[in-house]
Amino acid sequence: MSSPAEVAPAKGVSHINLMHDLLVKLSGMLGRPPVGHPGLYRKLHRAYFERIAAIEYTMAHDDGKDPSGWSEAEIILTGVSRVGKTPLSLYLSVLGWKVANVPLIPDLDPPQTLFQQDLRRLIGLTMHPGQLVFHRQHRQKRMGMPFPSLYADPQSVSSEVEFFANMLQQRGVTLIDVTDKPIETSADEVMRIITRRLGDQSRRESMNNSEVSKPVG
């Protein structure tokens, strides 16, 4: 049986031995010498690789995981259960932001490490208690959790939202009300706050202007 190297020329097809003369062959076909600069592929696709790194970081620091890595976060989101921390974090990570999110739990003190971070990067999320009750009831049904419970009790939820909102504001943390907002709107609000506080974000702009499929909120 004839080898591809023997058959291809007879058929007028260019062939390249990937183990030997790839650059030489391409140089001859294209009429241009190799640039000879290592890492050009990574430079051309920097935004892509940075976006992948942001997604990996965000997934590894979801729901309060790995406090030792919070200092690397570009954005830290915090709030009570079902306020939308994880979906918003993941959406922002697709846009290239490294995001950690930290839950606030009734009857448990927030981790002190949270407030030792750069507070300019810390954003609190809040939601109207009625909508939060709806989300928690849905979660209870989906997970087969017992009814009734303080987790979705309207009065308890209202007190929880008010308590943590006051606590965050007293510590100088900016609050964003995400009630009835599409995830894109909440993300834009977060990015505007962070960009205003931390200055030029040209790398973010280049990422956001590149072609990327955005989730629908």
N, C-alpha and C. Protein backbone atom coordinates (compact mmCIF):
# COMPACT_ATOMS: atom_id res chain seq x y z
N MET A 1 0.85 -1.20 0.00
CA MET A 1 0.00 0.00 0.00
C MET A 1 0.89 1.25 0.00
N SER A 2 0.54 2.19 -0.88
CA SER A 2 1.32 3.43 -0.98
C SER A 2 1.09 4.31 0.23
N SER A 3 2.13 5.04 0.64
CA SER A 3 2.03 5.96 1.77
C SER A 3 1.42 7.27 1.30
N PRO A 4 0.85 8.07 2.24
CA PRO A 4 0.31 9.39 1.87
C PRO A 4 1.35 10.27 1.20
N ALA A 5 2.60 10.16 1.62
CA ALA A 5 3.65 10.98 1.03
C ALA A 5 3.86 10.65 -0.44
N GLU A 6 3.52 9.42 -0.84
CA GLU A 6 3.66 9.02 -2.23
C GLU A 6 2.41 9.35 -3.04
N VAL A 7 1.25 9.19 -2.42
CA VAL A 7 -0.02 9.38 -3.13
C VAL A 7 -0.34 10.86 -3.31
N ALA A 8 -0.10 11.68 -2.27
CA ALA A 8 -0.52 13.08 -2.28
C ALA A 8 0.05 13.87 -3.46
N PRO A 9 1.36 13.81 -3.74
CA PRO A 9 1.88 14.58 -4.88
C PRO A 9 1.25 14.18 -6.21
N ALA A 10 0.99 12.87 -6.35
CA ALA A 10 0.38 12.40 -7.59
C ALA A 10 -1.02 12.96 -7.79
N LYS A 11 -1.68 13.25 -6.68
CA LYS A 11 -3.03 13.81 -6.74
C LYS A 11 -3.04 15.34 -6.70
N GLY A 12 -1.85 15.93 -6.63
CA GLY A 12 -1.76 17.39 -6.56
C GLY A 12 -2.13 17.95 -5.21
N VAL A 13 -1.98 17.14 -4.16
CA VAL A 13 -2.34 17.56 -2.80
C VAL A 13 -1.06 17.78 -2.00
N SER A 14 -0.97 18.92 -1.34
CA SER A 14 0.18 19.18 -0.47
C SER A 14 0.09 18.31 0.77
N HIS A 15 1.21 17.81 1.22
CA HIS A 15 1.23 17.01 2.43
C HIS A 15 2.34 17.51 3.35
N ILE A 16 2.13 17.39 4.65
CA ILE A 16 3.09 17.88 5.64
C ILE A 16 3.34 16.78 6.66
N ASN A 17 4.59 16.50 6.93
CA ASN A 17 4.97 15.59 8.00
C ASN A 17 5.02 16.39 9.30
N LEU A 18 4.03 16.19 10.15
CA LEU A 18 3.92 16.99 11.38
C LEU A 18 5.09 16.75 12.33
N MET A 19 5.77 15.66 12.17
CA MET A 19 6.89 15.36 13.07
C MET A 19 8.19 15.99 12.59
N HIS A 20 8.20 16.58 11.39
CA HIS A 20 9.47 17.09 10.88
C HIS A 20 9.40 18.53 10.37
N ASP A 21 8.83 18.71 9.17
CA ASP A 21 9.04 19.98 8.47
C ASP A 21 7.79 20.85 8.37
N LEU A 22 7.00 20.92 9.42
CA LEU A 22 5.77 21.71 9.38
C LEU A 22 6.05 23.17 9.04
N LEU A 23 6.93 23.83 9.81
CA LEU A 23 7.18 25.25 9.60
C LEU A 23 7.85 25.51 8.25
N VAL A 24 8.76 24.61 7.85
CA VAL A 24 9.43 24.78 6.56
C VAL A 24 8.42 24.68 5.42
N LYS A 25 7.53 23.70 5.53
CA LYS A 25 6.53 23.51 4.47
C LYS A 25 5.57 24.69 4.41
N LEU A 26 5.10 25.13 5.56
CA LEU A 26 4.17 26.27 5.59
C LEU A 26 4.85 27.53 5.07
N SER A 27 6.13 27.70 5.40
CA SER A 27 6.86 28.87 4.94
C SER A 27 6.93 28.90 3.42
N GLY A 28 7.16 27.71 2.83
CA GLY A 28 7.21 27.64 1.38
C GLY A 28 5.86 27.88 0.73
N MET A 29 4.80 27.34 1.33
CA MET A 29 3.46 27.49 0.77
C MET A 29 2.96 28.93 0.88
N LEU A 30 3.30 29.59 1.99
CA LEU A 30 2.79 30.94 2.24
C LEU A 30 3.73 32.03 1.75
N GLY A 31 4.96 31.64 1.44
CA GLY A 31 5.91 32.63 0.98
C GLY A 31 6.36 33.59 2.05
N ARG A 32 6.32 33.13 3.31
CA ARG A 32 6.73 34.00 4.42
C ARG A 32 7.57 33.19 5.40
N PRO A 33 8.65 33.77 5.92
CA PRO A 33 9.47 33.04 6.89
C PRO A 33 8.77 32.98 8.25
N PRO A 34 9.08 31.97 9.07
CA PRO A 34 8.52 31.91 10.43
C PRO A 34 8.94 33.13 11.24
N VAL A 35 8.04 33.64 12.07
CA VAL A 35 8.36 34.80 12.90
C VAL A 35 9.39 34.44 13.96
N GLY A 36 9.28 33.22 14.49
CA GLY A 36 10.26 32.77 15.47
C GLY A 36 10.05 33.31 16.86
N HIS A 37 8.81 33.76 17.17
CA HIS A 37 8.52 34.27 18.51
C HIS A 37 7.66 33.26 19.26
N PRO A 38 8.18 32.62 20.31
CA PRO A 38 7.36 31.68 21.08
C PRO A 38 6.23 32.40 21.79
N GLY A 39 5.10 31.70 21.95
CA GLY A 39 3.99 32.24 22.72
C GLY A 39 3.03 33.11 21.95
N LEU A 40 3.19 33.19 20.61
CA LEU A 40 2.29 34.07 19.84
C LEU A 40 0.85 33.61 19.91
N TYR A 41 0.64 32.29 19.92
CA TYR A 41 -0.74 31.79 19.99
C TYR A 41 -1.41 32.25 21.28
N ARG A 42 -0.69 32.13 22.38
CA ARG A 42 -1.28 32.54 23.66
C ARG A 42 -1.53 34.04 23.70
N LYS A 43 -0.64 34.83 23.09
CA LYS A 43 -0.85 36.27 23.08
C LYS A 43 -2.09 36.63 22.25
N LEU A 44 -2.23 35.97 21.10
CA LEU A 44 -3.38 36.26 20.23
C LEU A 44 -4.69 35.86 20.89
N HIS A 45 -4.63 34.87 21.77
CA HIS A 45 -5.84 34.36 22.40
C HIS A 45 -5.84 34.62 23.91
N ARG A 46 -5.17 35.70 24.31
CA ARG A 46 -5.04 36.01 25.73
C ARG A 46 -6.39 36.16 26.41
N ALA A 47 -7.32 36.86 25.75
CA ALA A 47 -8.64 37.08 26.35
C ALA A 47 -9.33 35.75 26.61
N TYR A 48 -9.18 34.81 25.69
CA TYR A 48 -9.81 33.49 25.87
C TYR A 48 -9.22 32.78 27.09
N PHE A 49 -7.89 32.74 27.18
CA PHE A 49 -7.27 32.03 28.29
C PHE A 49 -7.56 32.72 29.63
N GLU A 50 -7.63 34.05 29.62
CA GLU A 50 -7.96 34.76 30.86
C GLU A 50 -9.40 34.47 31.27
N ARG A 51 -10.28 34.35 30.29
CA ARG A 51 -11.68 34.03 30.60
C ARG A 51 -11.80 32.63 31.20
N ILE A 52 -11.07 31.68 30.65
CA ILE A 52 -11.08 30.32 31.19
C ILE A 52 -10.55 30.32 32.62
N ALA A 53 -9.47 31.07 32.86
CA ALA A 53 -8.91 31.15 34.22
C ALA A 53 -9.92 31.76 35.18
N ALA A 54 -10.65 32.78 34.71
CA ALA A 54 -11.66 33.42 35.57
C ALA A 54 -12.78 32.45 35.92
N ILE A 55 -13.22 31.67 34.94
CA ILE A 55 -14.29 30.69 35.20
C ILE A 55 -13.82 29.64 36.20
N GLU A 56 -12.60 29.16 36.00
CA GLU A 56 -12.07 28.14 36.91
C GLU A 56 -11.93 28.69 38.33
N TYR A 57 -11.44 29.92 38.44
CA TYR A 57 -11.31 30.54 39.76
C TYR A 57 -12.69 30.67 40.42
N THR A 58 -13.66 31.16 39.68
CA THR A 58 -14.99 31.41 40.23
C THR A 58 -15.65 30.12 40.70
N MET A 59 -15.52 29.06 39.94
CA MET A 59 -16.10 27.78 40.34
C MET A 59 -15.42 27.23 41.59
N ALA A 60 -14.11 27.48 41.71
CA ALA A 60 -13.37 26.99 42.88
C ALA A 60 -13.64 27.81 44.13
N HIS A 61 -14.25 29.01 43.98
CA HIS A 61 -14.50 29.88 45.12
C HIS A 61 -15.99 30.20 45.25
N ASP A 62 -16.82 29.26 44.82
CA ASP A 62 -18.26 29.39 44.95
C ASP A 62 -18.71 29.04 46.36
N ASP A 63 -19.72 29.74 46.85
CA ASP A 63 -20.38 29.39 48.12
C ASP A 63 -19.42 29.36 49.31
N GLY A 64 -18.50 30.32 49.34
CA GLY A 64 -17.61 30.45 50.49
C GLY A 64 -16.41 29.54 50.51
N LYS A 65 -16.13 28.85 49.41
CA LYS A 65 -15.01 27.91 49.38
C LYS A 65 -13.67 28.65 49.36
N ASP A 66 -12.67 28.03 49.95
CA ASP A 66 -11.26 28.46 49.91
C ASP A 66 -11.07 29.93 50.26
N PRO A 67 -11.34 30.32 51.50
CA PRO A 67 -11.13 31.72 51.91
C PRO A 67 -9.71 32.22 51.69
N SER A 68 -8.74 31.32 51.70
CA SER A 68 -7.35 31.74 51.51
C SER A 68 -7.12 32.33 50.12
N GLY A 69 -8.02 32.04 49.19
CA GLY A 69 -7.87 32.57 47.84
C GLY A 69 -8.70 33.80 47.55
N TRP A 70 -9.45 34.30 48.53
CA TRP A 70 -10.33 35.45 48.29
C TRP A 70 -9.55 36.71 47.91
N SER A 71 -8.32 36.80 48.36
CA SER A 71 -7.53 37.99 48.05
C SER A 71 -7.23 38.10 46.56
N GLU A 72 -7.37 37.01 45.83
CA GLU A 72 -7.14 37.02 44.39
C GLU A 72 -8.39 37.43 43.60
N ALA A 73 -9.52 37.51 44.28
CA ALA A 73 -10.77 37.84 43.60
C ALA A 73 -10.78 39.29 43.15
N GLU A 74 -11.32 39.51 41.95
CA GLU A 74 -11.52 40.87 41.48
C GLU A 74 -12.86 41.42 41.98
N ILE A 75 -13.78 40.50 42.25
CA ILE A 75 -15.09 40.85 42.81
C ILE A 75 -15.45 39.79 43.85
N ILE A 76 -15.98 40.23 44.98
CA ILE A 76 -16.51 39.31 45.98
C ILE A 76 -17.98 39.66 46.19
N LEU A 77 -18.86 38.69 45.97
CA LEU A 77 -20.29 38.89 46.19
C LEU A 77 -20.70 38.19 47.48
N THR A 78 -21.57 38.82 48.23
CA THR A 78 -22.08 38.19 49.44
C THR A 78 -23.56 38.48 49.59
N GLY A 79 -24.25 37.62 50.31
CA GLY A 79 -25.69 37.79 50.49
C GLY A 79 -26.29 36.52 51.06
N VAL A 80 -27.59 36.58 51.36
CA VAL A 80 -28.27 35.44 51.97
C VAL A 80 -28.56 34.37 50.91
N SER A 81 -29.05 33.24 51.36
CA SER A 81 -29.37 32.13 50.48
C SER A 81 -30.44 32.50 49.45
N ARG A 82 -30.22 32.08 48.20
CA ARG A 82 -31.16 32.23 47.08
C ARG A 82 -31.25 33.66 46.55
N VAL A 83 -30.28 34.50 46.91
CA VAL A 83 -30.32 35.88 46.42
C VAL A 83 -29.68 35.99 45.02
N GLY A 84 -29.06 34.90 44.56
CA GLY A 84 -28.51 34.87 43.21
C GLY A 84 -27.02 35.05 43.10
N LYS A 85 -26.29 34.69 44.15
CA LYS A 85 -24.84 34.90 44.14
C LYS A 85 -24.14 34.04 43.08
N THR A 86 -24.46 32.76 43.06
CA THR A 86 -23.77 31.85 42.15
C THR A 86 -24.04 32.17 40.68
N PRO A 87 -25.30 32.32 40.26
CA PRO A 87 -25.53 32.64 38.84
C PRO A 87 -24.84 33.93 38.40
N LEU A 88 -24.89 34.95 39.26
CA LEU A 88 -24.25 36.22 38.91
C LEU A 88 -22.73 36.07 38.85
N SER A 89 -22.18 35.31 39.79
CA SER A 89 -20.73 35.07 39.79
C SER A 89 -20.29 34.40 38.49
N LEU A 90 -21.02 33.37 38.08
CA LEU A 90 -20.65 32.63 36.88
C LEU A 90 -20.82 33.50 35.63
N TYR A 91 -21.86 34.31 35.61
CA TYR A 91 -22.06 35.21 34.47
C TYR A 91 -20.88 36.18 34.35
N LEU A 92 -20.47 36.76 35.47
CA LEU A 92 -19.35 37.70 35.47
C LEU A 92 -18.05 36.99 35.07
N SER A 93 -17.90 35.74 35.48
CA SER A 93 -16.68 35.01 35.13
C SER A 93 -16.58 34.77 33.64
N VAL A 94 -17.71 34.56 32.97
CA VAL A 94 -17.70 34.38 31.52
C VAL A 94 -17.23 35.65 30.83
N LEU A 95 -17.43 36.79 31.48
CA LEU A 95 -16.94 38.06 30.96
C LEU A 95 -15.49 38.34 31.36
N GLY A 96 -14.90 37.39 32.11
CA GLY A 96 -13.47 37.51 32.42
C GLY A 96 -13.12 37.93 33.83
N TRP A 97 -14.11 38.05 34.71
CA TRP A 97 -13.85 38.50 36.08
C TRP A 97 -13.68 37.29 37.01
N LYS A 98 -12.68 37.37 37.87
CA LYS A 98 -12.50 36.37 38.92
C LYS A 98 -13.39 36.76 40.09
N VAL A 99 -14.37 35.91 40.39
CA VAL A 99 -15.39 36.26 41.39
C VAL A 99 -15.46 35.17 42.46
N ALA A 100 -15.44 35.59 43.71
CA ALA A 100 -15.73 34.70 44.84
C ALA A 100 -17.09 35.11 45.40
N ASN A 101 -17.86 34.14 45.88
CA ASN A 101 -19.10 34.52 46.55
C ASN A 101 -19.21 33.82 47.90
N VAL A 102 -19.76 34.56 48.86
CA VAL A 102 -19.76 34.11 50.26
C VAL A 102 -21.17 34.22 50.83
N PRO A 103 -21.73 33.11 51.32
CA PRO A 103 -23.10 33.15 51.86
C PRO A 103 -23.14 33.77 53.26
N LEU A 104 -24.25 34.45 53.54
CA LEU A 104 -24.53 34.95 54.89
C LEU A 104 -25.62 34.07 55.47
N ILE A 105 -25.35 33.48 56.64
CA ILE A 105 -26.23 32.46 57.22
C ILE A 105 -26.74 32.93 58.58
N PRO A 106 -28.06 32.88 58.79
CA PRO A 106 -28.61 33.29 60.10
C PRO A 106 -27.99 32.50 61.24
N ASP A 107 -27.80 33.17 62.37
CA ASP A 107 -27.26 32.58 63.59
C ASP A 107 -25.79 32.16 63.47
N LEU A 108 -25.15 32.52 62.36
CA LEU A 108 -23.72 32.28 62.21
C LEU A 108 -23.04 33.60 61.86
N ASP A 109 -21.96 33.90 62.57
CA ASP A 109 -21.23 35.13 62.25
C ASP A 109 -20.58 35.01 60.87
N PRO A 110 -20.63 36.07 60.08
CA PRO A 110 -19.93 36.03 58.79
C PRO A 110 -18.45 35.79 59.01
N PRO A 111 -17.79 35.10 58.11
CA PRO A 111 -16.35 34.87 58.28
C PRO A 111 -15.59 36.20 58.35
N GLN A 112 -14.76 36.35 59.37
CA GLN A 112 -14.02 37.60 59.52
C GLN A 112 -13.10 37.86 58.35
N THR A 113 -12.65 36.78 57.70
CA THR A 113 -11.80 36.93 56.52
C THR A 113 -12.48 37.76 55.45
N LEU A 114 -13.80 37.69 55.40
CA LEU A 114 -14.55 38.42 54.38
C LEU A 114 -14.31 39.92 54.48
N PHE A 115 -14.32 40.43 55.70
CA PHE A 115 -14.20 41.87 55.90
C PHE A 115 -12.74 42.33 56.02
N GLN A 116 -11.82 41.38 55.88
CA GLN A 116 -10.41 41.73 55.82
C GLN A 116 -9.94 41.91 54.38
N GLN A 117 -10.84 41.65 53.43
CA GLN A 117 -10.51 41.85 52.02
C GLN A 117 -10.65 43.33 51.66
N ASP A 118 -10.25 43.67 50.45
CA ASP A 118 -10.41 45.03 49.94
C ASP A 118 -11.91 45.29 49.77
N LEU A 119 -12.46 46.14 50.61
CA LEU A 119 -13.91 46.38 50.60
C LEU A 119 -14.38 47.04 49.31
N ARG A 120 -13.47 47.60 48.54
CA ARG A 120 -13.88 48.17 47.25
C ARG A 120 -14.35 47.08 46.30
N ARG A 121 -13.90 45.86 46.54
CA ARG A 121 -14.25 44.74 45.66
C ARG A 121 -15.43 43.93 46.20
N LEU A 122 -15.92 44.30 47.37
CA LEU A 122 -16.98 43.54 48.02
C LEU A 122 -18.34 44.17 47.73
N ILE A 123 -19.26 43.37 47.21
CA ILE A 123 -20.60 43.83 46.87
C ILE A 123 -21.62 42.92 47.56
N GLY A 124 -22.56 43.53 48.28
CA GLY A 124 -23.64 42.78 48.89
C GLY A 124 -24.86 42.74 47.99
N LEU A 125 -25.50 41.59 47.90
CA LEU A 125 -26.73 41.45 47.12
C LEU A 125 -27.92 41.34 48.06
N THR A 126 -28.99 42.04 47.74
CA THR A 126 -30.20 41.94 48.53
C THR A 126 -31.40 41.81 47.59
N MET A 127 -32.52 41.39 48.15
CA MET A 127 -33.71 41.12 47.35
C MET A 127 -34.95 41.34 48.20
N HIS A 128 -36.04 41.73 47.57
CA HIS A 128 -37.30 41.91 48.30
C HIS A 128 -37.68 40.59 48.95
N PRO A 129 -38.04 40.61 50.25
CA PRO A 129 -38.34 39.36 50.95
C PRO A 129 -39.39 38.49 50.26
N GLY A 130 -40.41 39.11 49.66
CA GLY A 130 -41.44 38.33 48.99
C GLY A 130 -40.89 37.48 47.86
N GLN A 131 -40.01 38.06 47.06
CA GLN A 131 -39.41 37.30 45.96
C GLN A 131 -38.45 36.24 46.49
N LEU A 132 -37.75 36.57 47.56
CA LEU A 132 -36.82 35.61 48.15
C LEU A 132 -37.58 34.40 48.72
N VAL A 133 -38.72 34.65 49.34
CA VAL A 133 -39.56 33.55 49.84
C VAL A 133 -39.97 32.64 48.69
N PHE A 134 -40.37 33.23 47.57
CA PHE A 134 -40.77 32.44 46.41
C PHE A 134 -39.63 31.53 45.94
N HIS A 135 -38.42 32.08 45.84
CA HIS A 135 -37.28 31.28 45.41
C HIS A 135 -36.97 30.16 46.40
N ARG A 136 -37.07 30.47 47.67
CA ARG A 136 -36.75 29.45 48.68
C ARG A 136 -37.82 28.36 48.73
N GLN A 137 -39.07 28.72 48.54
CA GLN A 137 -40.11 27.71 48.49
C GLN A 137 -39.91 26.77 47.30
N HIS A 138 -39.52 27.35 46.18
CA HIS A 138 -39.24 26.53 45.00
C HIS A 138 -38.09 25.56 45.27
N ARG A 139 -37.07 26.05 45.95
CA ARG A 139 -35.94 25.19 46.28
C ARG A 139 -36.37 24.07 47.24
N GLN A 140 -37.19 24.41 48.21
CA GLN A 140 -37.67 23.41 49.14
C GLN A 140 -38.41 22.28 48.41
N LYS A 141 -39.29 22.65 47.50
CA LYS A 141 -40.04 21.64 46.75
C LYS A 141 -39.10 20.77 45.91
N ARG A 142 -38.14 21.40 45.26
CA ARG A 142 -37.24 20.66 44.39
C ARG A 142 -36.37 19.69 45.17
N MET A 143 -35.99 20.08 46.39
CA MET A 143 -35.10 19.23 47.19
C MET A 143 -35.85 18.34 48.18
N GLY A 144 -37.17 18.46 48.20
CA GLY A 144 -37.96 17.65 49.13
C GLY A 144 -37.78 18.04 50.57
N MET A 145 -37.51 19.31 50.83
CA MET A 145 -37.33 19.78 52.20
C MET A 145 -38.69 19.90 52.89
N PRO A 146 -38.72 19.70 54.20
CA PRO A 146 -40.01 19.72 54.93
C PRO A 146 -40.63 21.12 55.01
N PHE A 147 -41.95 21.14 54.99
CA PHE A 147 -42.72 22.37 55.16
C PHE A 147 -43.48 22.28 56.48
N PRO A 148 -43.78 23.40 57.13
CA PRO A 148 -43.16 24.72 56.91
C PRO A 148 -41.78 24.77 57.56
N SER A 149 -41.04 25.81 57.28
CA SER A 149 -39.71 25.96 57.87
C SER A 149 -39.37 27.44 57.96
N LEU A 150 -38.47 27.78 58.86
CA LEU A 150 -38.03 29.17 58.99
C LEU A 150 -37.31 29.63 57.73
N TYR A 151 -36.75 28.68 56.97
CA TYR A 151 -36.00 29.01 55.77
C TYR A 151 -36.84 29.80 54.77
N ALA A 152 -38.15 29.46 54.69
CA ALA A 152 -39.02 30.15 53.74
C ALA A 152 -40.19 30.85 54.43
N ASP A 153 -40.10 31.02 55.73
CA ASP A 153 -41.16 31.72 56.46
C ASP A 153 -41.07 33.22 56.17
N PRO A 154 -42.14 33.83 55.69
CA PRO A 154 -42.08 35.25 55.28
C PRO A 154 -41.53 36.18 56.35
N GLN A 155 -41.97 36.02 57.60
CA GLN A 155 -41.51 36.92 58.65
C GLN A 155 -40.02 36.70 58.94
N SER A 156 -39.60 35.43 58.97
CA SER A 156 -38.19 35.13 59.23
C SER A 156 -37.30 35.64 58.11
N VAL A 157 -37.76 35.46 56.87
CA VAL A 157 -36.98 35.91 55.72
C VAL A 157 -36.85 37.43 55.73
N SER A 158 -37.94 38.12 56.05
CA SER A 158 -37.91 39.57 56.10
C SER A 158 -36.91 40.06 57.14
N SER A 159 -36.92 39.43 58.32
CA SER A 159 -35.98 39.81 59.38
C SER A 159 -34.55 39.51 58.97
N GLU A 160 -34.34 38.39 58.29
CA GLU A 160 -33.00 37.99 57.84
C GLU A 160 -32.44 39.00 56.84
N VAL A 161 -33.27 39.38 55.87
CA VAL A 161 -32.84 40.34 54.85
C VAL A 161 -32.49 41.68 55.49
N GLU A 162 -33.35 42.14 56.39
CA GLU A 162 -33.11 43.43 57.04
C GLU A 162 -31.85 43.39 57.90
N PHE A 163 -31.66 42.31 58.65
CA PHE A 163 -30.50 42.21 59.54
C PHE A 163 -29.20 42.28 58.76
N PHE A 164 -29.08 41.47 57.70
CA PHE A 164 -27.82 41.42 56.97
C PHE A 164 -27.61 42.68 56.13
N ALA A 165 -28.68 43.29 55.65
CA ALA A 165 -28.54 44.54 54.92
C ALA A 165 -27.97 45.62 55.82
N ASN A 166 -28.49 45.71 57.04
CA ASN A 166 -27.98 46.69 58.01
C ASN A 166 -26.54 46.40 58.39
N MET A 167 -26.24 45.11 58.59
CA MET A 167 -24.89 44.72 58.98
C MET A 167 -23.87 45.09 57.91
N LEU A 168 -24.19 44.84 56.65
CA LEU A 168 -23.27 45.14 55.56
C LEU A 168 -23.09 46.65 55.40
N GLN A 169 -24.18 47.38 55.48
CA GLN A 169 -24.09 48.84 55.33
C GLN A 169 -23.29 49.47 56.45
N GLN A 170 -23.42 48.94 57.66
CA GLN A 170 -22.64 49.45 58.78
C GLN A 170 -21.14 49.23 58.58
N ARG A 171 -20.80 48.21 57.81
CA ARG A 171 -19.39 47.92 57.54
C ARG A 171 -18.89 48.60 56.27
N GLY A 172 -19.75 49.41 55.67
CA GLY A 172 -19.35 50.16 54.48
C GLY A 172 -19.41 49.38 53.19
N VAL A 173 -20.18 48.28 53.18
CA VAL A 173 -20.29 47.45 51.98
C VAL A 173 -21.45 47.96 51.12
N THR A 174 -21.21 48.14 49.84
CA THR A 174 -22.26 48.57 48.91
C THR A 174 -23.26 47.45 48.68
N LEU A 175 -24.55 47.80 48.72
CA LEU A 175 -25.62 46.83 48.48
C LEU A 175 -26.24 47.07 47.12
N ILE A 176 -26.54 45.99 46.41
CA ILE A 176 -27.27 46.05 45.15
C ILE A 176 -28.56 45.26 45.31
N ASP A 177 -29.68 45.90 45.01
CA ASP A 177 -30.97 45.23 45.06
C ASP A 177 -31.21 44.55 43.71
N VAL A 178 -31.28 43.22 43.71
CA VAL A 178 -31.42 42.46 42.47
C VAL A 178 -32.87 42.03 42.20
N THR A 179 -33.80 42.57 42.97
CA THR A 179 -35.21 42.20 42.81
C THR A 179 -35.68 42.46 41.39
N ASP A 180 -36.22 41.42 40.75
CA ASP A 180 -36.82 41.53 39.40
C ASP A 180 -35.84 42.02 38.33
N LYS A 181 -34.55 41.92 38.58
CA LYS A 181 -33.56 42.37 37.58
C LYS A 181 -33.04 41.18 36.78
N PRO A 182 -32.92 41.32 35.45
CA PRO A 182 -32.22 40.30 34.67
C PRO A 182 -30.77 40.23 35.12
N ILE A 183 -30.17 39.08 34.95
CA ILE A 183 -28.80 38.90 35.43
C ILE A 183 -27.84 39.85 34.71
N GLU A 184 -28.14 40.17 33.43
CA GLU A 184 -27.28 41.10 32.71
C GLU A 184 -27.27 42.49 33.36
N THR A 185 -28.44 42.91 33.84
CA THR A 185 -28.56 44.23 34.48
C THR A 185 -27.77 44.26 35.78
N SER A 186 -27.90 43.22 36.58
CA SER A 186 -27.15 43.16 37.84
C SER A 186 -25.65 43.12 37.58
N ALA A 187 -25.24 42.35 36.57
CA ALA A 187 -23.82 42.27 36.23
C ALA A 187 -23.28 43.62 35.78
N ASP A 188 -24.03 44.33 34.96
CA ASP A 188 -23.59 45.65 34.51
C ASP A 188 -23.43 46.59 35.69
N GLU A 189 -24.35 46.51 36.65
CA GLU A 189 -24.27 47.37 37.82
C GLU A 189 -23.02 47.07 38.64
N VAL A 190 -22.74 45.78 38.84
CA VAL A 190 -21.55 45.39 39.58
C VAL A 190 -20.29 45.88 38.87
N MET A 191 -20.22 45.65 37.56
CA MET A 191 -19.02 46.05 36.82
C MET A 191 -18.80 47.55 36.83
N ARG A 192 -19.89 48.31 36.75
CA ARG A 192 -19.75 49.77 36.80
C ARG A 192 -19.17 50.21 38.14
N ILE A 193 -19.66 49.62 39.22
CA ILE A 193 -19.17 49.99 40.56
C ILE A 193 -17.69 49.65 40.69
N ILE A 194 -17.31 48.43 40.31
CA ILE A 194 -15.92 48.00 40.45
C ILE A 194 -15.00 48.83 39.56
N THR A 195 -15.42 49.08 38.33
CA THR A 195 -14.60 49.86 37.40
C THR A 195 -14.42 51.29 37.90
N ARG A 196 -15.50 51.88 38.43
CA ARG A 196 -15.41 53.25 38.95
C ARG A 196 -14.45 53.32 40.13
N ARG A 197 -14.45 52.29 40.95
CA ARG A 197 -13.61 52.31 42.14
C ARG A 197 -12.15 52.02 41.84
N LEU A 198 -11.91 51.14 40.88
CA LEU A 198 -10.55 50.64 40.68
C LEU A 198 -9.87 51.20 39.45
N GLY A 199 -10.56 52.10 38.74
CA GLY A 199 -9.91 52.76 37.62
C GLY A 199 -10.10 52.03 36.31
N ASP A 200 -9.16 52.30 35.40
CA ASP A 200 -9.27 51.79 34.02
C ASP A 200 -9.32 50.28 34.00
N GLN A 201 -10.22 49.75 33.18
CA GLN A 201 -10.36 48.31 33.01
C GLN A 201 -10.35 47.98 31.51
N SER A 202 -9.30 48.41 30.83
CA SER A 202 -9.27 48.23 29.38
C SER A 202 -9.29 46.76 28.98
N ARG A 203 -8.69 45.90 29.82
CA ARG A 203 -8.70 44.47 29.50
C ARG A 203 -10.13 43.94 29.53
N ARG A 204 -10.93 44.46 30.50
CA ARG A 204 -12.32 44.03 30.57
C ARG A 204 -13.09 44.48 29.33
N GLU A 205 -12.80 45.71 28.89
CA GLU A 205 -13.52 46.22 27.74
C GLU A 205 -13.22 45.40 26.50
N SER A 206 -11.96 44.99 26.35
CA SER A 206 -11.61 44.19 25.19
C SER A 206 -12.28 42.84 25.24
N MET A 207 -12.43 42.29 26.44
CA MET A 207 -13.12 41.02 26.58
C MET A 207 -14.59 41.15 26.26
N ASN A 208 -15.20 42.20 26.80
CA ASN A 208 -16.63 42.38 26.61
C ASN A 208 -16.98 42.68 25.16
N ASN A 209 -16.03 43.28 24.43
CA ASN A 209 -16.27 43.59 23.03
C ASN A 209 -15.99 42.43 22.10
N SER A 210 -15.32 41.39 22.63
CA SER A 210 -15.05 40.22 21.81
C SER A 210 -16.30 39.38 21.71
N GLU A 211 -16.29 38.43 20.77
CA GLU A 211 -17.47 37.60 20.57
C GLU A 211 -17.53 36.57 21.69
N VAL A 212 -18.59 36.63 22.47
CA VAL A 212 -18.81 35.69 23.55
C VAL A 212 -20.29 35.49 23.71
N SER A 213 -20.68 34.24 23.87
CA SER A 213 -22.09 33.94 24.05
C SER A 213 -22.46 34.24 25.47
N LYS A 214 -23.38 35.17 25.67
CA LYS A 214 -23.79 35.57 27.00
C LYS A 214 -25.02 34.79 27.43
N PRO A 215 -25.04 34.27 28.68
CA PRO A 215 -26.22 33.57 29.16
C PRO A 215 -27.42 34.52 29.20
N VAL A 216 -28.57 33.95 29.09
CA VAL A 216 -29.80 34.75 29.18
C VAL A 216 -30.30 34.70 30.60
N GLY A 217 -30.48 35.88 31.23
CA GLY A 217 -30.92 35.92 32.62
C GLY A 217 -32.41 35.81 32.72
